[in-house]
Amino acid sequence: MADWVEYKLTGADELSAKFRGLAEEMRRKVVTPAAKDAMALVLADAKNRAARIDDPETANFIPKNLAIVERKAIGVEVGAVVMSVGVRKRSKGQGGGNTFYWWWVELGTEKNRAKPFLRPALANNREAVFKEFLNSAKYQLIKLGVN
């Protein structure tokens, strides 16, 4: 089961017009850091939620393994920059340890109820994510000298 978020940004006509006039490489230079800045809000909320759920008695700690990842293969396929927040795979003794069980916490099992931390982090921050994306993209355009 995959949750996808797709929005048409309204109120971003000026930014959209500037994007159309840019070369593909310049668009990537604007969109990639803007997407990372926007998803940082989701990452912070997911870490906070996971810290409240995760068992402090264990050596493994889910919030330490949460990260923002650019999905380049999917991005090439759909023709866009794709950023996601997810749980990294690590070995025992590294960072937050081997938190292979994170999806059982997120989705639940037959015997344990779900305690989602990733899906609500995105769902509750959608508006803030888009506002941050727009602000960051405008900043990146100014930084690159595009008027």
C-alpha atoms as a PDB file:
ATOM      1  CA  MET A   1       0.000   0.000   0.000  1.00  0.00           C
ATOM      2  CA  ALA A   2       1.497   3.314  -1.024  1.00  0.00           C
ATOM      3  CA  ASP A   3       0.215   6.732  -0.084  1.00  0.00           C
ATOM      4  CA  TRP A   4       0.727   9.301  -2.816  1.00  0.00           C
ATOM      5  CA  VAL A   5       0.080  12.977  -2.498  1.00  0.00           C
ATOM      6  CA  GLU A   6      -0.672  14.896  -5.640  1.00  0.00           C
ATOM      7  CA  TYR A   7      -1.704  18.530  -5.625  1.00  0.00           C
ATOM      8  CA  LYS A   8      -2.058  21.285  -8.113  1.00  0.00           C
ATOM      9  CA  LEU A   9      -0.449  24.289  -6.503  1.00  0.00           C
ATOM     10  CA  THR A  10      -2.809  27.234  -6.637  1.00  0.00           C
ATOM     11  CA  GLY A  11      -1.589  30.757  -6.077  1.00  0.00           C
ATOM     12  CA  ALA A  12       1.750  29.800  -7.560  1.00  0.00           C
ATOM     13  CA  ASP A  13       1.121  31.112 -11.061  1.00  0.00           C
ATOM     14  CA  GLU A  14       4.059  33.531 -10.942  1.00  0.00           C
ATOM     15  CA  LEU A  15       6.428  30.785  -9.834  1.00  0.00           C
ATOM     16  CA  SER A  16       5.027  28.399 -12.432  1.00  0.00           C
ATOM     17  CA  ALA A  17       5.574  30.931 -15.198  1.00  0.00           C
ATOM     18  CA  LYS A  18       9.204  31.385 -14.126  1.00  0.00           C
ATOM     19  CA  PHE A  19       9.710  27.613 -14.129  1.00  0.00           C
ATOM     20  CA  ARG A  20       8.461  27.269 -17.690  1.00  0.00           C
ATOM     21  CA  GLY A  21      11.132  29.705 -18.853  1.00  0.00           C
ATOM     22  CA  LEU A  22      13.989  27.827 -17.178  1.00  0.00           C
ATOM     23  CA  ALA A  23      16.166  25.083 -18.573  1.00  0.00           C
ATOM     24  CA  GLU A  24      15.721  21.577 -17.119  1.00  0.00           C
ATOM     25  CA  GLU A  25      19.001  21.727 -15.168  1.00  0.00           C
ATOM     26  CA  MET A  26      18.083  25.100 -13.641  1.00  0.00           C
ATOM     27  CA  ARG A  27      14.654  23.776 -12.628  1.00  0.00           C
ATOM     28  CA  ARG A  28      16.332  20.882 -10.841  1.00  0.00           C
ATOM     29  CA  LYS A  29      18.631  23.321  -9.012  1.00  0.00           C
ATOM     30  CA  VAL A  30      15.565  25.160  -7.745  1.00  0.00           C
ATOM     31  CA  VAL A  31      13.193  22.281  -7.038  1.00  0.00           C
ATOM     32  CA  THR A  32      15.538  19.795  -5.332  1.00  0.00           C
ATOM     33  CA  PRO A  33      16.559  21.997  -2.367  1.00  0.00           C
ATOM     34  CA  ALA A  34      13.031  23.406  -2.127  1.00  0.00           C
ATOM     35  CA  ALA A  35      11.580  19.882  -1.903  1.00  0.00           C
ATOM     36  CA  LYS A  36      14.151  18.921   0.753  1.00  0.00           C
ATOM     37  CA  ASP A  37      13.288  22.017   2.803  1.00  0.00           C
ATOM     38  CA  ALA A  38       9.580  21.232   2.543  1.00  0.00           C
ATOM     39  CA  MET A  39       9.974  17.571   3.488  1.00  0.00           C
ATOM     40  CA  ALA A  40      12.110  18.569   6.483  1.00  0.00           C
ATOM     41  CA  LEU A  41       8.828  19.579   8.161  1.00  0.00           C
ATOM     42  CA  VAL A  42       7.448  16.069   7.673  1.00  0.00           C
ATOM     43  CA  LEU A  43      10.713  14.531   8.878  1.00  0.00           C
ATOM     44  CA  ALA A  44      10.699  16.574  12.100  1.00  0.00           C
ATOM     45  CA  ASP A  45       7.071  15.654  12.824  1.00  0.00           C
ATOM     46  CA  ALA A  46       7.675  11.960  12.026  1.00  0.00           C
ATOM     47  CA  LYS A  47      10.693  11.881  14.369  1.00  0.00           C
ATOM     48  CA  ASN A  48       8.634  13.466  17.123  1.00  0.00           C
ATOM     49  CA  ARG A  49       5.780  10.981  16.649  1.00  0.00           C
ATOM     50  CA  ALA A  50       8.122   7.979  16.432  1.00  0.00           C
ATOM     51  CA  ALA A  51       9.960   9.041  19.605  1.00  0.00           C
ATOM     52  CA  ARG A  52       6.668   8.992  21.510  1.00  0.00           C
ATOM     53  CA  ILE A  53       5.802   5.511  20.180  1.00  0.00           C
ATOM     54  CA  ASP A  54       9.155   3.702  20.192  1.00  0.00           C
ATOM     55  CA  ASP A  55      10.081   1.610  23.219  1.00  0.00           C
ATOM     56  CA  PRO A  56      12.958   3.297  25.120  1.00  0.00           C
ATOM     57  CA  GLU A  57      13.887  -0.052  26.702  1.00  0.00           C
ATOM     58  CA  THR A  58      15.276  -1.408  23.428  1.00  0.00           C
ATOM     59  CA  ALA A  59      18.645  -0.565  21.876  1.00  0.00           C
ATOM     60  CA  ASN A  60      17.003   0.211  18.521  1.00  0.00           C
ATOM     61  CA  PHE A  61      15.484   3.662  18.026  1.00  0.00           C
ATOM     62  CA  ILE A  62      13.291   4.373  14.992  1.00  0.00           C
ATOM     63  CA  PRO A  63      13.624   8.204  15.014  1.00  0.00           C
ATOM     64  CA  LYS A  64      17.394   7.985  14.494  1.00  0.00           C
ATOM     65  CA  ASN A  65      16.803   6.012  11.297  1.00  0.00           C
ATOM     66  CA  LEU A  66      14.294   8.414   9.740  1.00  0.00           C
ATOM     67  CA  ALA A  67      15.644  10.370   6.771  1.00  0.00           C
ATOM     68  CA  ILE A  68      14.736  12.310   3.645  1.00  0.00           C
ATOM     69  CA  VAL A  69      15.588  10.407   0.468  1.00  0.00           C
ATOM     70  CA  GLU A  70      15.491  11.611  -3.124  1.00  0.00           C
ATOM     71  CA  ARG A  71      13.879   8.898  -5.268  1.00  0.00           C
ATOM     72  CA  LYS A  72      15.786   9.505  -8.500  1.00  0.00           C
ATOM     73  CA  ALA A  73      14.539   6.422 -10.372  1.00  0.00           C
ATOM     74  CA  ILE A  74      10.902   7.302  -9.740  1.00  0.00           C
ATOM     75  CA  GLY A  75      11.671  10.953 -10.509  1.00  0.00           C
ATOM     76  CA  VAL A  76      13.084  10.050 -13.912  1.00  0.00           C
ATOM     77  CA  GLU A  77      10.066   7.857 -14.607  1.00  0.00           C
ATOM     78  CA  VAL A  78       7.507  10.563 -13.789  1.00  0.00           C
ATOM     79  CA  GLY A  79       9.636  13.511 -14.917  1.00  0.00           C
ATOM     80  CA  ALA A  80       9.792  15.244 -11.546  1.00  0.00           C
ATOM     81  CA  VAL A  81      11.809  15.520  -8.352  1.00  0.00           C
ATOM     82  CA  VAL A  82      10.541  12.981  -5.826  1.00  0.00           C
ATOM     83  CA  MET A  83      11.473  13.282  -2.147  1.00  0.00           C
ATOM     84  CA  SER A  84      10.276  10.899   0.511  1.00  0.00           C
ATOM     85  CA  VAL A  85      10.642  10.476   4.245  1.00  0.00           C
ATOM     86  CA  GLY A  86      11.314   6.930   5.333  1.00  0.00           C
ATOM     87  CA  VAL A  87      13.215   4.586   7.599  1.00  0.00           C
ATOM     88  CA  ARG A  88      16.798   3.694   6.625  1.00  0.00           C
ATOM     89  CA  LYS A  89      18.063   0.142   6.848  1.00  0.00           C
ATOM     90  CA  ARG A  90      20.958  -0.115   9.252  1.00  0.00           C
ATOM     91  CA  SER A  91      22.965  -2.858  10.868  1.00  0.00           C
ATOM     92  CA  LYS A  92      22.926  -3.629  14.547  1.00  0.00           C
ATOM     93  CA  GLY A  93      25.105  -1.156  16.433  1.00  0.00           C
ATOM     94  CA  GLN A  94      24.831   1.662  13.853  1.00  0.00           C
ATOM     95  CA  GLY A  95      22.838   4.851  14.441  1.00  0.00           C
ATOM     96  CA  GLY A  96      19.433   3.772  15.673  1.00  0.00           C
ATOM     97  CA  GLY A  97      20.159   0.086  15.192  1.00  0.00           C
ATOM     98  CA  ASN A  98      18.295  -2.358  12.999  1.00  0.00           C
ATOM     99  CA  THR A  99      14.693  -1.146  13.067  1.00  0.00           C
ATOM    100  CA  PHE A 100      13.361  -3.726  10.606  1.00  0.00           C
ATOM    101  CA  TYR A 101      10.117  -3.824  12.581  1.00  0.00           C
ATOM    102  CA  TRP A 102       9.142  -0.221  11.850  1.00  0.00           C
ATOM    103  CA  TRP A 103       6.378  -1.168   9.373  1.00  0.00           C
ATOM    104  CA  TRP A 104       4.755  -3.388  11.978  1.00  0.00           C
ATOM    105  CA  VAL A 105       4.550  -0.344  14.220  1.00  0.00           C
ATOM    106  CA  GLU A 106       3.295   1.873  11.370  1.00  0.00           C
ATOM    107  CA  LEU A 107       0.731  -0.544   9.924  1.00  0.00           C
ATOM    108  CA  GLY A 108      -0.006  -2.863  12.853  1.00  0.00           C
ATOM    109  CA  THR A 109      -0.248  -6.636  12.901  1.00  0.00           C
ATOM    110  CA  GLU A 110      -2.879  -9.217  13.587  1.00  0.00           C
ATOM    111  CA  LYS A 111      -2.186  -8.946  17.319  1.00  0.00           C
ATOM    112  CA  ASN A 112      -1.021  -5.332  17.711  1.00  0.00           C
ATOM    113  CA  ARG A 113      -2.870  -2.223  16.659  1.00  0.00           C
ATOM    114  CA  ALA A 114      -1.213   0.213  14.280  1.00  0.00           C
ATOM    115  CA  LYS A 115       0.624   3.200  15.743  1.00  0.00           C
ATOM    116  CA  PRO A 116       1.268   5.248  12.602  1.00  0.00           C
ATOM    117  CA  PHE A 117       3.923   7.937  12.688  1.00  0.00           C
ATOM    118  CA  LEU A 118       4.833   8.503   9.008  1.00  0.00           C
ATOM    119  CA  ARG A 119       1.395   8.833   7.423  1.00  0.00           C
ATOM    120  CA  PRO A 120       0.010  11.318   9.989  1.00  0.00           C
ATOM    121  CA  ALA A 121       3.226  13.351   9.761  1.00  0.00           C
ATOM    122  CA  LEU A 122       2.497  13.970   6.084  1.00  0.00           C
ATOM    123  CA  ALA A 123      -1.271  14.242   6.403  1.00  0.00           C
ATOM    124  CA  ASN A 124      -1.137  16.861   9.165  1.00  0.00           C
ATOM    125  CA  ASN A 125       1.512  19.003   7.469  1.00  0.00           C
ATOM    126  CA  ARG A 126       0.366  19.118   3.840  1.00  0.00           C
ATOM    127  CA  GLU A 127      -0.473  22.819   3.801  1.00  0.00           C
ATOM    128  CA  ALA A 128       2.752  23.757   5.605  1.00  0.00           C
ATOM    129  CA  VAL A 129       4.787  21.576   3.232  1.00  0.00           C
ATOM    130  CA  PHE A 130       3.423  23.347   0.167  1.00  0.00           C
ATOM    131  CA  LYS A 131       3.880  26.792   1.684  1.00  0.00           C
ATOM    132  CA  GLU A 132       7.463  25.929   2.594  1.00  0.00           C
ATOM    133  CA  PHE A 133       8.084  24.559  -0.899  1.00  0.00           C
ATOM    134  CA  LEU A 134       6.849  27.764  -2.516  1.00  0.00           C
ATOM    135  CA  ASN A 135       8.868  29.975  -0.158  1.00  0.00           C
ATOM    136  CA  SER A 136      12.007  27.906  -0.620  1.00  0.00           C
ATOM    137  CA  ALA A 137      11.607  27.773  -4.412  1.00  0.00           C
ATOM    138  CA  LYS A 138      11.267  31.567  -4.533  1.00  0.00           C
ATOM    139  CA  TYR A 139      14.379  31.860  -2.377  1.00  0.00           C
ATOM    140  CA  GLN A 140      16.304  29.475  -4.654  1.00  0.00           C
ATOM    141  CA  LEU A 141      15.289  31.510  -7.704  1.00  0.00           C
ATOM    142  CA  ILE A 142      16.574  34.693  -6.058  1.00  0.00           C
ATOM    143  CA  LYS A 143      19.751  32.927  -4.960  1.00  0.00           C
ATOM    144  CA  LEU A 144      20.405  31.770  -8.536  1.00  0.00           C
ATOM    145  CA  GLY A 145      19.726  35.268  -9.867  1.00  0.00           C
ATOM    146  CA  VAL A 146      16.543  34.476 -11.785  1.00  0.00           C
ATOM    147  CA  ASN A 147      14.153  37.421 -11.723  1.00  0.00           C
END
